[in-house]
């Protein structure tokens, strides 16, 4: 997969990808070179959605996992993440997790 064509700006949404889960953030600072950015985790409230499970896998499989939607708001107490743009064009956190543009909170109920 190629890196997203993205030039982040302060106040823009971003998401940190943790395997199949994602954490929605807001860009709060960018270095003068544009190669480093700092993000703060948003408060993400799951809309009226309930997981639907069917038997399978280890115990069950969530069949409506991709239908999750969230409402986002800034969180002054949210954890902060630092990410640098690598040679391949991806922003990655200090833990190596990729950062994608936009707020896309997601919890994979199949794990």
PDB file of N, CA and C in Angstrom:
ATOM      1  N   UNK A   1       0.846  -1.165   0.000  1.00  0.00           N
ATOM      2  CA  UNK A   1       0.000   0.000   0.000  1.00  0.00           C
ATOM      3  C   UNK A   1       0.899   1.237   0.000  1.00  0.00           C
ATOM      4  N   UNK A   2       0.552   2.201  -0.812  1.00  0.00           N
ATOM      5  CA  UNK A   2       1.372   3.410  -0.880  1.00  0.00           C
ATOM      6  C   UNK A   2       0.930   4.408   0.189  1.00  0.00           C
ATOM      7  N   UNK A   3       1.841   5.293   0.562  1.00  0.00           N
ATOM      8  CA  UNK A   3       1.578   6.295   1.586  1.00  0.00           C
ATOM      9  C   UNK A   3       0.496   7.257   1.110  1.00  0.00           C
ATOM     10  N   UNK A   4      -0.360   7.730   2.029  1.00  0.00           N
ATOM     11  CA  UNK A   4      -1.386   8.692   1.622  1.00  0.00           C
ATOM     12  C   UNK A   4      -0.750  10.018   1.212  1.00  0.00           C
ATOM     13  N   UNK A   5      -1.329  10.658   0.210  1.00  0.00           N
ATOM     14  CA  UNK A   5      -0.873  11.974  -0.230  1.00  0.00           C
ATOM     15  C   UNK A   5      -1.489  12.982   0.735  1.00  0.00           C
ATOM     16  N   UNK A   6      -0.729  13.345   1.777  1.00  0.00           N
ATOM     17  CA  UNK A   6      -1.286  14.121   2.876  1.00  0.00           C
ATOM     18  C   UNK A   6      -0.266  15.097   3.407  1.00  0.00           C
ATOM     19  N   UNK A   7      -0.676  16.352   3.494  1.00  0.00           N
ATOM     20  CA  UNK A   7       0.130  17.378   4.143  1.00  0.00           C
ATOM     21  C   UNK A   7      -0.678  17.846   5.345  1.00  0.00           C
ATOM     22  N   UNK A   8      -0.362  17.361   6.547  1.00  0.00           N
ATOM     23  CA  UNK A   8      -1.175  17.693   7.721  1.00  0.00           C
ATOM     24  C   UNK A   8      -1.092  19.170   8.082  1.00  0.00           C
ATOM     25  N   UNK A   9      -2.172  19.668   8.685  1.00  0.00           N
ATOM     26  CA  UNK A   9      -2.222  21.026   9.211  1.00  0.00           C
ATOM     27  C   UNK A   9      -2.737  20.952  10.647  1.00  0.00           C
ATOM     28  N   UNK A  10      -2.373  21.938  11.452  1.00  0.00           N
ATOM     29  CA  UNK A  10      -2.834  21.983  12.841  1.00  0.00           C
ATOM     30  C   UNK A  10      -4.365  22.062  12.847  1.00  0.00           C
ATOM     31  N   UNK A  11      -4.981  21.233  13.666  1.00  0.00           N
ATOM     32  CA  UNK A  11      -6.434  21.169  13.767  1.00  0.00           C
ATOM     33  C   UNK A  11      -7.057  20.082  12.918  1.00  0.00           C
ATOM     34  N   UNK A  12      -6.286  19.509  12.017  1.00  0.00           N
ATOM     35  CA  UNK A  12      -6.803  18.443  11.146  1.00  0.00           C
ATOM     36  C   UNK A  12      -6.934  17.136  11.919  1.00  0.00           C
ATOM     37  N   UNK A  13      -7.813  16.277  11.451  1.00  0.00           N
ATOM     38  CA  UNK A  13      -7.970  14.961  12.047  1.00  0.00           C
ATOM     39  C   UNK A  13      -6.918  14.002  11.524  1.00  0.00           C
ATOM     40  N   UNK A  14      -6.541  13.058  12.371  1.00  0.00           N
ATOM     41  CA  UNK A  14      -5.590  12.005  12.013  1.00  0.00           C
ATOM     42  C   UNK A  14      -5.937  10.784  12.844  1.00  0.00           C
ATOM     43  N   UNK A  15      -5.529   9.630  12.389  1.00  0.00           N
ATOM     44  CA  UNK A  15      -5.794   8.397  13.129  1.00  0.00           C
ATOM     45  C   UNK A  15      -4.521   7.572  13.230  1.00  0.00           C
ATOM     46  N   UNK A  16      -4.267   7.069  14.430  1.00  0.00           N
ATOM     47  CA  UNK A  16      -3.145   6.169  14.666  1.00  0.00           C
ATOM     48  C   UNK A  16      -3.679   4.750  14.519  1.00  0.00           C
ATOM     49  N   UNK A  17      -3.022   3.959  13.669  1.00  0.00           N
ATOM     50  CA  UNK A  17      -3.460   2.585  13.403  1.00  0.00           C
ATOM     51  C   UNK A  17      -2.707   1.616  14.315  1.00  0.00           C
ATOM     52  N   UNK A  18      -3.452   0.834  15.063  1.00  0.00           N
ATOM     53  CA  UNK A  18      -2.880  -0.198  15.939  1.00  0.00           C
ATOM     54  C   UNK A  18      -3.394  -1.536  15.429  1.00  0.00           C
ATOM     55  N   UNK A  19      -2.666  -2.173  14.564  1.00  0.00           N
ATOM     56  CA  UNK A  19      -3.123  -3.419  13.949  1.00  0.00           C
ATOM     57  C   UNK A  19      -4.503  -3.191  13.348  1.00  0.00           C
ATOM     58  N   UNK A  20      -5.561  -3.766  13.895  1.00  0.00           N
ATOM     59  CA  UNK A  20      -6.884  -3.556  13.302  1.00  0.00           C
ATOM     60  C   UNK A  20      -7.675  -2.436  13.973  1.00  0.00           C
ATOM     61  N   UNK A  21      -7.258  -1.974  15.139  1.00  0.00           N
ATOM     62  CA  UNK A  21      -7.934  -0.859  15.805  1.00  0.00           C
ATOM     63  C   UNK A  21      -7.328   0.470  15.362  1.00  0.00           C
ATOM     64  N   UNK A  22      -8.087   1.559  15.550  1.00  0.00           N
ATOM     65  CA  UNK A  22      -7.597   2.899  15.239  1.00  0.00           C
ATOM     66  C   UNK A  22      -8.015   3.857  16.342  1.00  0.00           C
ATOM     67  N   UNK A  23      -7.170   4.870  16.588  1.00  0.00           N
ATOM     68  CA  UNK A  23      -7.453   5.910  17.572  1.00  0.00           C
ATOM     69  C   UNK A  23      -7.517   7.253  16.857  1.00  0.00           C
ATOM     70  N   UNK A  24      -8.646   7.954  17.006  1.00  0.00           N
ATOM     71  CA  UNK A  24      -8.830   9.262  16.375  1.00  0.00           C
ATOM     72  C   UNK A  24      -8.099  10.335  17.168  1.00  0.00           C
ATOM     73  N   UNK A  25      -7.424  11.236  16.452  1.00  0.00           N
ATOM     74  CA  UNK A  25      -6.642  12.306  17.070  1.00  0.00           C
ATOM     75  C   UNK A  25      -6.837  13.608  16.301  1.00  0.00           C
ATOM     76  N   UNK A  26      -6.317  14.686  16.917  1.00  0.00           N
ATOM     77  CA  UNK A  26      -6.244  15.989  16.269  1.00  0.00           C
ATOM     78  C   UNK A  26      -4.786  16.409  16.230  1.00  0.00           C
ATOM     79  N   UNK A  27      -4.331  16.908  15.082  1.00  0.00           N
ATOM     80  CA  UNK A  27      -2.964  17.405  14.956  1.00  0.00           C
ATOM     81  C   UNK A  27      -2.875  18.700  15.757  1.00  0.00           C
ATOM     82  N   UNK A  28      -1.937  18.740  16.723  1.00  0.00           N
ATOM     83  CA  UNK A  28      -1.824  19.922  17.583  1.00  0.00           C
ATOM     84  C   UNK A  28      -0.557  20.730  17.328  1.00  0.00           C
ATOM     85  N   UNK A  29       0.402  20.132  16.629  1.00  0.00           N
ATOM     86  CA  UNK A  29       1.661  20.841  16.364  1.00  0.00           C
ATOM     87  C   UNK A  29       2.391  20.162  15.214  1.00  0.00           C
ATOM     88  N   UNK A  30       3.088  20.967  14.422  1.00  0.00           N
ATOM     89  CA  UNK A  30       3.892  20.444  13.315  1.00  0.00           C
ATOM     90  C   UNK A  30       5.242  21.135  13.365  1.00  0.00           C
ATOM     91  N   UNK A  31       6.302  20.387  13.152  1.00  0.00           N
ATOM     92  CA  UNK A  31       7.642  20.972  13.150  1.00  0.00           C
ATOM     93  C   UNK A  31       7.785  21.909  11.946  1.00  0.00           C
ATOM     94  N   UNK A  32       8.712  22.878  12.020  1.00  0.00           N
ATOM     95  CA  UNK A  32       8.919  23.783  10.885  1.00  0.00           C
ATOM     96  C   UNK A  32       9.256  23.046   9.580  1.00  0.00           C
ATOM     97  N   UNK A  33       9.937  21.908   9.685  1.00  0.00           N
ATOM     98  CA  UNK A  33      10.284  21.142   8.478  1.00  0.00           C
ATOM     99  C   UNK A  33       9.085  20.386   7.919  1.00  0.00           C
ATOM    100  N   UNK A  34       8.035  20.211   8.733  1.00  0.00           N
ATOM    101  CA  UNK A  34       6.867  19.445   8.310  1.00  0.00           C
ATOM    102  C   UNK A  34       7.057  17.947   8.395  1.00  0.00           C
ATOM    103  N   UNK A  35       8.202  17.505   8.916  1.00  0.00           N
ATOM    104  CA  UNK A  35       8.487  16.066   8.982  1.00  0.00           C
ATOM    105  C   UNK A  35       8.046  15.417  10.289  1.00  0.00           C
ATOM    106  N   UNK A  36       7.747  16.227  11.297  1.00  0.00           N
ATOM    107  CA  UNK A  36       7.300  15.696  12.587  1.00  0.00           C
ATOM    108  C   UNK A  36       5.987  16.357  12.949  1.00  0.00           C
ATOM    109  N   UNK A  37       5.067  15.554  13.473  1.00  0.00           N
ATOM    110  CA  UNK A  37       3.807  16.125  13.954  1.00  0.00           C
ATOM    111  C   UNK A  37       3.456  15.513  15.290  1.00  0.00           C
ATOM    112  N   UNK A  38       2.697  16.265  16.057  1.00  0.00           N
ATOM    113  CA  UNK A  38       2.209  15.835  17.352  1.00  0.00           C
ATOM    114  C   UNK A  38       0.691  15.816  17.283  1.00  0.00           C
ATOM    115  N   UNK A  39       0.102  14.759  17.820  1.00  0.00           N
ATOM    116  CA  UNK A  39      -1.349  14.589  17.804  1.00  0.00           C
ATOM    117  C   UNK A  39      -1.837  14.315  19.213  1.00  0.00           C
ATOM    118  N   UNK A  40      -3.061  14.752  19.492  1.00  0.00           N
ATOM    119  CA  UNK A  40      -3.677  14.478  20.786  1.00  0.00           C
ATOM    120  C   UNK A  40      -4.949  13.667  20.543  1.00  0.00           C
ATOM    121  N   UNK A  41      -5.120  12.609  21.346  1.00  0.00           N
ATOM    122  CA  UNK A  41      -6.285  11.740  21.183  1.00  0.00           C
ATOM    123  C   UNK A  41      -7.574  12.510  21.461  1.00  0.00           C
ATOM    124  N   UNK A  42      -8.569  12.296  20.606  1.00  0.00           N
ATOM    125  CA  UNK A  42      -9.885  12.900  20.763  1.00  0.00           C
ATOM    126  C   UNK A  42     -10.750  12.029  21.672  1.00  0.00           C
ATOM    127  N   UNK A  43     -11.854  12.598  22.121  1.00  0.00           N
ATOM    128  CA  UNK A  43     -12.890  11.809  22.764  1.00  0.00           C
ATOM    129  C   UNK A  43     -13.779  11.299  21.643  1.00  0.00           C
ATOM    130  N   UNK A  44     -13.921  10.012  21.543  1.00  0.00           N
ATOM    131  CA  UNK A  44     -14.739   9.392  20.501  1.00  0.00           C
ATOM    132  C   UNK A  44     -15.863   8.623  21.181  1.00  0.00           C
ATOM    133  N   UNK A  45     -17.092   9.035  20.901  1.00  0.00           N
ATOM    134  CA  UNK A  45     -18.262   8.397  21.502  1.00  0.00           C
ATOM    135  C   UNK A  45     -18.969   7.588  20.417  1.00  0.00           C
ATOM    136  N   UNK A  46     -19.103   6.300  20.674  1.00  0.00           N
ATOM    137  CA  UNK A  46     -19.744   5.390  19.727  1.00  0.00           C
ATOM    138  C   UNK A  46     -21.223   5.735  19.616  1.00  0.00           C
ATOM    139  N   UNK A  47     -21.696   5.922  18.372  1.00  0.00           N
ATOM    140  CA  UNK A  47     -23.119   6.181  18.144  1.00  0.00           C
ATOM    141  C   UNK A  47     -23.930   4.952  18.534  1.00  0.00           C
ATOM    142  N   UNK A  48     -25.226   5.065  18.411  1.00  0.00           N
ATOM    143  CA  UNK A  48     -26.139   3.981  18.779  1.00  0.00           C
ATOM    144  C   UNK A  48     -25.887   2.774  17.876  1.00  0.00           C
ATOM    145  N   UNK A  49     -25.010   1.901  18.318  1.00  0.00           N
ATOM    146  CA  UNK A  49     -24.608   0.725  17.550  1.00  0.00           C
ATOM    147  C   UNK A  49     -24.327  -0.397  18.524  1.00  0.00           C
ATOM    148  N   UNK A  50     -24.789  -1.572  18.204  1.00  0.00           N
ATOM    149  CA  UNK A  50     -24.531  -2.750  19.027  1.00  0.00           C
ATOM    150  C   UNK A  50     -23.926  -3.833  18.157  1.00  0.00           C
ATOM    151  N   UNK A  51     -22.870  -4.491  18.637  1.00  0.00           N
ATOM    152  CA  UNK A  51     -22.273  -5.568  17.841  1.00  0.00           C
ATOM    153  C   UNK A  51     -23.231  -6.759  17.718  1.00  0.00           C
ATOM    154  N   UNK A  52     -23.258  -7.351  16.529  1.00  0.00           N
ATOM    155  CA  UNK A  52     -24.055  -8.554  16.285  1.00  0.00           C
ATOM    156  C   UNK A  52     -23.087  -9.718  16.081  1.00  0.00           C
ATOM    157  N   UNK A  53     -23.215 -10.725  16.921  1.00  0.00           N
ATOM    158  CA  UNK A  53     -22.303 -11.857  16.871  1.00  0.00           C
ATOM    159  C   UNK A  53     -23.004 -13.112  16.351  1.00  0.00           C
ATOM    160  N   UNK A  54     -22.262 -13.884  15.570  1.00  0.00           N
ATOM    161  CA  UNK A  54     -22.720 -15.206  15.139  1.00  0.00           C
ATOM    162  C   UNK A  54     -21.642 -16.200  15.553  1.00  0.00           C
ATOM    163  N   UNK A  55     -22.047 -17.429  15.795  1.00  0.00           N
ATOM    164  CA  UNK A  55     -21.097 -18.453  16.219  1.00  0.00           C
ATOM    165  C   UNK A  55     -20.041 -18.671  15.140  1.00  0.00           C
ATOM    166  N   UNK A  56     -18.782 -18.814  15.596  1.00  0.00           N
ATOM    167  CA  UNK A  56     -17.684 -19.051  14.666  1.00  0.00           C
ATOM    168  C   UNK A  56     -16.394 -18.511  15.239  1.00  0.00           C
ATOM    169  N   UNK A  57     -15.287 -18.787  14.582  1.00  0.00           N
ATOM    170  CA  UNK A  57     -13.990 -18.336  15.082  1.00  0.00           C
ATOM    171  C   UNK A  57     -13.684 -18.976  16.412  1.00  0.00           C
ATOM    172  N   UNK A  58     -13.044 -18.228  17.315  1.00  0.00           N
ATOM    173  CA  UNK A  58     -12.739 -18.767  18.647  1.00  0.00           C
ATOM    174  C   UNK A  58     -14.009 -18.965  19.451  1.00  0.00           C
ATOM    175  N   UNK A  59     -14.942 -18.009  19.359  1.00  0.00           N
ATOM    176  CA  UNK A  59     -16.205 -18.155  20.069  1.00  0.00           C
ATOM    177  C   UNK A  59     -17.357 -17.554  19.269  1.00  0.00           C
ATOM    178  N   UNK A  60     -17.108 -16.397  18.637  1.00  0.00           N
ATOM    179  CA  UNK A  60     -18.147 -15.739  17.843  1.00  0.00           C
ATOM    180  C   UNK A  60     -17.485 -14.751  16.890  1.00  0.00           C
ATOM    181  N   UNK A  61     -18.263 -14.304  15.912  1.00  0.00           N
ATOM    182  CA  UNK A  61     -17.758 -13.359  14.915  1.00  0.00           C
ATOM    183  C   UNK A  61     -18.730 -12.185  14.834  1.00  0.00           C
ATOM    184  N   UNK A  62     -18.199 -10.958  14.918  1.00  0.00           N
ATOM    185  CA  UNK A  62     -19.021  -9.758  14.820  1.00  0.00           C
ATOM    186  C   UNK A  62     -19.259  -9.458  13.340  1.00  0.00           C
ATOM    187  N   UNK A  63     -20.508  -9.551  12.897  1.00  0.00           N
ATOM    188  CA  UNK A  63     -20.813  -9.412  11.476  1.00  0.00           C
ATOM    189  C   UNK A  63     -21.063  -7.968  11.045  1.00  0.00           C
ATOM    190  N   UNK A  64     -21.282  -7.056  11.979  1.00  0.00           N
ATOM    191  CA  UNK A  64     -21.551  -5.658  11.617  1.00  0.00           C
ATOM    192  C   UNK A  64     -20.450  -4.721  12.116  1.00  0.00           C
ATOM    193  N   UNK A  65     -19.259  -5.230  12.241  1.00  0.00           N
ATOM    194  CA  UNK A  65     -18.103  -4.496  12.771  1.00  0.00           C
ATOM    195  C   UNK A  65     -17.839  -3.198  12.013  1.00  0.00           C
ATOM    196  N   UNK A  66     -17.999  -3.210  10.698  1.00  0.00           N
ATOM    197  CA  UNK A  66     -17.650  -2.049   9.878  1.00  0.00           C
ATOM    198  C   UNK A  66     -18.714  -0.952   9.900  1.00  0.00           C
ATOM    199  N   UNK A  67     -19.805  -1.165  10.593  1.00  0.00           N
ATOM    200  CA  UNK A  67     -20.883  -0.173  10.643  1.00  0.00           C
ATOM    201  C   UNK A  67     -20.752   0.801  11.814  1.00  0.00           C
ATOM    202  N   UNK A  68     -19.663   0.728  12.552  1.00  0.00           N
ATOM    203  CA  UNK A  68     -19.462   1.628  13.689  1.00  0.00           C
ATOM    204  C   UNK A  68     -19.321   3.074  13.213  1.00  0.00           C
ATOM    205  N   UNK A  69     -19.984   3.995  13.919  1.00  0.00           N
ATOM    206  CA  UNK A  69     -19.793   5.427  13.674  1.00  0.00           C
ATOM    207  C   UNK A  69     -19.609   6.110  15.024  1.00  0.00           C
ATOM    208  N   UNK A  70     -18.845   7.187  15.016  1.00  0.00           N
ATOM    209  CA  UNK A  70     -18.492   7.880  16.249  1.00  0.00           C
ATOM    210  C   UNK A  70     -18.734   9.378  16.126  1.00  0.00           C
ATOM    211  N   UNK A  71     -18.916  10.027  17.260  1.00  0.00           N
ATOM    212  CA  UNK A  71     -18.934  11.482  17.362  1.00  0.00           C
ATOM    213  C   UNK A  71     -17.635  11.882  18.052  1.00  0.00           C
ATOM    214  N   UNK A  72     -16.958  12.886  17.519  1.00  0.00           N
ATOM    215  CA  UNK A  72     -15.642  13.271  18.017  1.00  0.00           C
ATOM    216  C   UNK A  72     -15.689  14.650  18.663  1.00  0.00           C
ATOM    217  N   UNK A  73     -14.879  14.809  19.702  1.00  0.00           N
ATOM    218  CA  UNK A  73     -14.692  16.129  20.314  1.00  0.00           C
ATOM    219  C   UNK A  73     -13.262  16.186  20.849  1.00  0.00           C
ATOM    220  N   UNK A  74     -12.701  17.407  20.921  1.00  0.00           N
ATOM    221  CA  UNK A  74     -11.341  17.543  21.446  1.00  0.00           C
ATOM    222  C   UNK A  74     -11.269  17.063  22.893  1.00  0.00           C
ATOM    223  N   UNK A  75     -10.111  16.560  23.275  1.00  0.00           N
ATOM    224  CA  UNK A  75      -9.895  16.097  24.642  1.00  0.00           C
ATOM    225  C   UNK A  75      -8.583  16.700  25.136  1.00  0.00           C
ATOM    226  N   UNK A  76      -8.683  17.755  25.935  1.00  0.00           N
ATOM    227  CA  UNK A  76      -7.481  18.436  26.435  1.00  0.00           C
ATOM    228  C   UNK A  76      -6.608  17.521  27.282  1.00  0.00           C
ATOM    229  N   UNK A  77      -7.184  16.440  27.813  1.00  0.00           N
ATOM    230  CA  UNK A  77      -6.431  15.490  28.628  1.00  0.00           C
ATOM    231  C   UNK A  77      -6.028  14.240  27.848  1.00  0.00           C
ATOM    232  N   UNK A  78      -6.287  14.237  26.539  1.00  0.00           N
ATOM    233  CA  UNK A  78      -5.973  13.065  25.721  1.00  0.00           C
ATOM    234  C   UNK A  78      -4.476  12.826  25.610  1.00  0.00           C
ATOM    235  N   UNK A  79      -4.105  11.582  25.458  1.00  0.00           N
ATOM    236  CA  UNK A  79      -2.695  11.209  25.281  1.00  0.00           C
ATOM    237  C   UNK A  79      -2.170  11.841  23.997  1.00  0.00           C
ATOM    238  N   UNK A  80      -0.889  12.166  23.986  1.00  0.00           N
ATOM    239  CA  UNK A  80      -0.288  12.742  22.786  1.00  0.00           C
ATOM    240  C   UNK A  80       0.622  11.717  22.110  1.00  0.00           C
ATOM    241  N   UNK A  81       0.711  11.831  20.810  1.00  0.00           N
ATOM    242  CA  UNK A  81       1.549  10.958  19.999  1.00  0.00           C
ATOM    243  C   UNK A  81       2.423  11.828  19.113  1.00  0.00           C
ATOM    244  N   UNK A  82       3.657  11.409  18.915  1.00  0.00           N
ATOM    245  CA  UNK A  82       4.557  12.092  17.985  1.00  0.00           C
ATOM    246  C   UNK A  82       4.798  11.148  16.827  1.00  0.00           C
ATOM    247  N   UNK A  83       4.793  11.712  15.622  1.00  0.00           N
ATOM    248  CA  UNK A  83       5.029  10.901  14.432  1.00  0.00           C
ATOM    249  C   UNK A  83       5.969  11.638  13.489  1.00  0.00           C
ATOM    250  N   UNK A  84       6.786  10.874  12.780  1.00  0.00           N
ATOM    251  CA  UNK A  84       7.713  11.449  11.792  1.00  0.00           C
ATOM    252  C   UNK A  84       7.423  10.847  10.427  1.00  0.00           C
ATOM    253  N   UNK A  85       7.598  11.676   9.394  1.00  0.00           N
ATOM    254  CA  UNK A  85       7.454  11.170   8.031  1.00  0.00           C
ATOM    255  C   UNK A  85       8.721  10.389   7.685  1.00  0.00           C
ATOM    256  N   UNK A  86       8.549   9.172   7.237  1.00  0.00           N
ATOM    257  CA  UNK A  86       9.681   8.323   6.873  1.00  0.00           C
ATOM    258  C   UNK A  86       9.973   8.433   5.376  1.00  0.00           C
ATOM    259  N   UNK A  87      11.055   7.807   4.973  1.00  0.00           N
ATOM    260  CA  UNK A  87      11.466   7.871   3.568  1.00  0.00           C
ATOM    261  C   UNK A  87      10.402   7.312   2.628  1.00  0.00           C
ATOM    262  N   UNK A  88       9.603   6.366   3.126  1.00  0.00           N
ATOM    263  CA  UNK A  88       8.561   5.780   2.276  1.00  0.00           C
ATOM    264  C   UNK A  88       7.323   6.671   2.173  1.00  0.00           C
ATOM    265  N   UNK A  89       7.331   7.828   2.866  1.00  0.00           N
ATOM    266  CA  UNK A  89       6.223   8.779   2.793  1.00  0.00           C
ATOM    267  C   UNK A  89       5.207   8.664   3.911  1.00  0.00           C
ATOM    268  N   UNK A  90       5.246   7.582   4.672  1.00  0.00           N
ATOM    269  CA  UNK A  90       4.298   7.379   5.769  1.00  0.00           C
ATOM    270  C   UNK A  90       4.732   8.147   7.012  1.00  0.00           C
ATOM    271  N   UNK A  91       3.753   8.714   7.724  1.00  0.00           N
ATOM    272  CA  UNK A  91       4.002   9.193   9.077  1.00  0.00           C
ATOM    273  C   UNK A  91       3.849   7.989   9.986  1.00  0.00           C
ATOM    274  N   UNK A  92       4.813   7.814  10.897  1.00  0.00           N
ATOM    275  CA  UNK A  92       4.737   6.716  11.861  1.00  0.00           C
ATOM    276  C   UNK A  92       5.072   7.247  13.247  1.00  0.00           C
ATOM    277  N   UNK A  93       4.358   6.706  14.236  1.00  0.00           N
ATOM    278  CA  UNK A  93       4.603   7.117  15.622  1.00  0.00           C
ATOM    279  C   UNK A  93       5.944   6.579  16.088  1.00  0.00           C
ATOM    280  N   UNK A  94       6.337   6.957  17.296  1.00  0.00           N
ATOM    281  CA  UNK A  94       7.593   6.460  17.849  1.00  0.00           C
ATOM    282  C   UNK A  94       7.542   4.943  18.035  1.00  0.00           C
ATOM    283  N   UNK A  95       6.349   4.361  18.081  1.00  0.00           N
ATOM    284  CA  UNK A  95       6.194   2.902  18.181  1.00  0.00           C
ATOM    285  C   UNK A  95       6.141   2.239  16.808  1.00  0.00           C
ATOM    286  N   UNK A  96       6.217   3.043  15.737  1.00  0.00           N
ATOM    287  CA  UNK A  96       6.183   2.496  14.386  1.00  0.00           C
ATOM    288  C   UNK A  96       4.791   2.330  13.814  1.00  0.00           C
ATOM    289  N   UNK A  97       3.770   2.805  14.532  1.00  0.00           N
ATOM    290  CA  UNK A  97       2.398   2.659  14.055  1.00  0.00           C
ATOM    291  C   UNK A  97       2.098   3.705  12.981  1.00  0.00           C
ATOM    292  N   UNK A  98       1.477   3.308  11.866  1.00  0.00           N
ATOM    293  CA  UNK A  98       1.176   4.263  10.813  1.00  0.00           C
ATOM    294  C   UNK A  98       0.094   5.251  11.226  1.00  0.00           C
ATOM    295  N   UNK A  99       0.188   6.454  10.669  1.00  0.00           N
ATOM    296  CA  UNK A  99      -0.797   7.509  10.895  1.00  0.00           C
ATOM    297  C   UNK A  99      -1.465   7.793   9.558  1.00  0.00           C
ATOM    298  N   UNK A 100      -2.807   7.848   9.568  1.00  0.00           N
ATOM    299  CA  UNK A 100      -3.548   8.142   8.345  1.00  0.00           C
ATOM    300  C   UNK A 100      -4.342   9.428   8.536  1.00  0.00           C
ATOM    301  N   UNK A 101      -4.643  10.138   7.446  1.00  0.00           N
ATOM    302  CA  UNK A 101      -5.429  11.362   7.577  1.00  0.00           C
ATOM    303  C   UNK A 101      -6.877  11.070   7.943  1.00  0.00           C
ATOM    304  N   UNK A 102      -7.494  11.969   8.698  1.00  0.00           N
ATOM    305  CA  UNK A 102      -8.897  11.847   9.068  1.00  0.00           C
ATOM    306  C   UNK A 102      -9.106  11.146  10.397  1.00  0.00           C
ATOM    307  N   UNK A 103     -10.216  11.490  11.029  1.00  0.00           N
ATOM    308  CA  UNK A 103     -10.596  10.848  12.294  1.00  0.00           C
ATOM    309  C   UNK A 103     -11.373   9.579  11.971  1.00  0.00           C
ATOM    310  N   UNK A 104     -10.803   8.455  12.320  1.00  0.00           N
ATOM    311  CA  UNK A 104     -11.425   7.160  12.017  1.00  0.00           C
ATOM    312  C   UNK A 104     -11.261   6.212  13.203  1.00  0.00           C
ATOM    313  N   UNK A 105     -11.954   6.494  14.275  1.00  0.00           N
ATOM    314  CA  UNK A 105     -11.930   5.619  15.451  1.00  0.00           C
ATOM    315  C   UNK A 105     -12.497   4.272  15.034  1.00  0.00           C
ATOM    316  N   UNK A 106     -11.921   3.180  15.534  1.00  0.00           N
ATOM    317  CA  UNK A 106     -12.427   1.860  15.214  1.00  0.00           C
ATOM    318  C   UNK A 106     -11.948   0.876  16.264  1.00  0.00           C
ATOM    319  N   UNK A 107     -12.867   0.027  16.715  1.00  0.00           N
ATOM    320  CA  UNK A 107     -12.508  -1.067  17.614  1.00  0.00           C
ATOM    321  C   UNK A 107     -12.949  -2.350  16.932  1.00  0.00           C
ATOM    322  N   UNK A 108     -12.016  -3.261  16.750  1.00  0.00           N
ATOM    323  CA  UNK A 108     -12.310  -4.529  16.096  1.00  0.00           C
ATOM    324  C   UNK A 108     -12.823  -5.507  17.141  1.00  0.00           C
ATOM    325  N   UNK A 109     -14.106  -5.787  17.105  1.00  0.00           N
ATOM    326  CA  UNK A 109     -14.728  -6.663  18.087  1.00  0.00           C
ATOM    327  C   UNK A 109     -14.436  -8.137  17.816  1.00  0.00           C
ATOM    328  N   UNK A 110     -13.707  -8.421  16.750  1.00  0.00           N
ATOM    329  CA  UNK A 110     -13.366  -9.815  16.443  1.00  0.00           C
ATOM    330  C   UNK A 110     -12.068 -10.265  17.108  1.00  0.00           C
ATOM    331  N   UNK A 111     -11.454  -9.394  17.919  1.00  0.00           N
ATOM    332  CA  UNK A 111     -10.235  -9.775  18.644  1.00  0.00           C
ATOM    333  C   UNK A 111     -10.398  -9.511  20.111  1.00  0.00           C
TER     334      UNK A 111
END
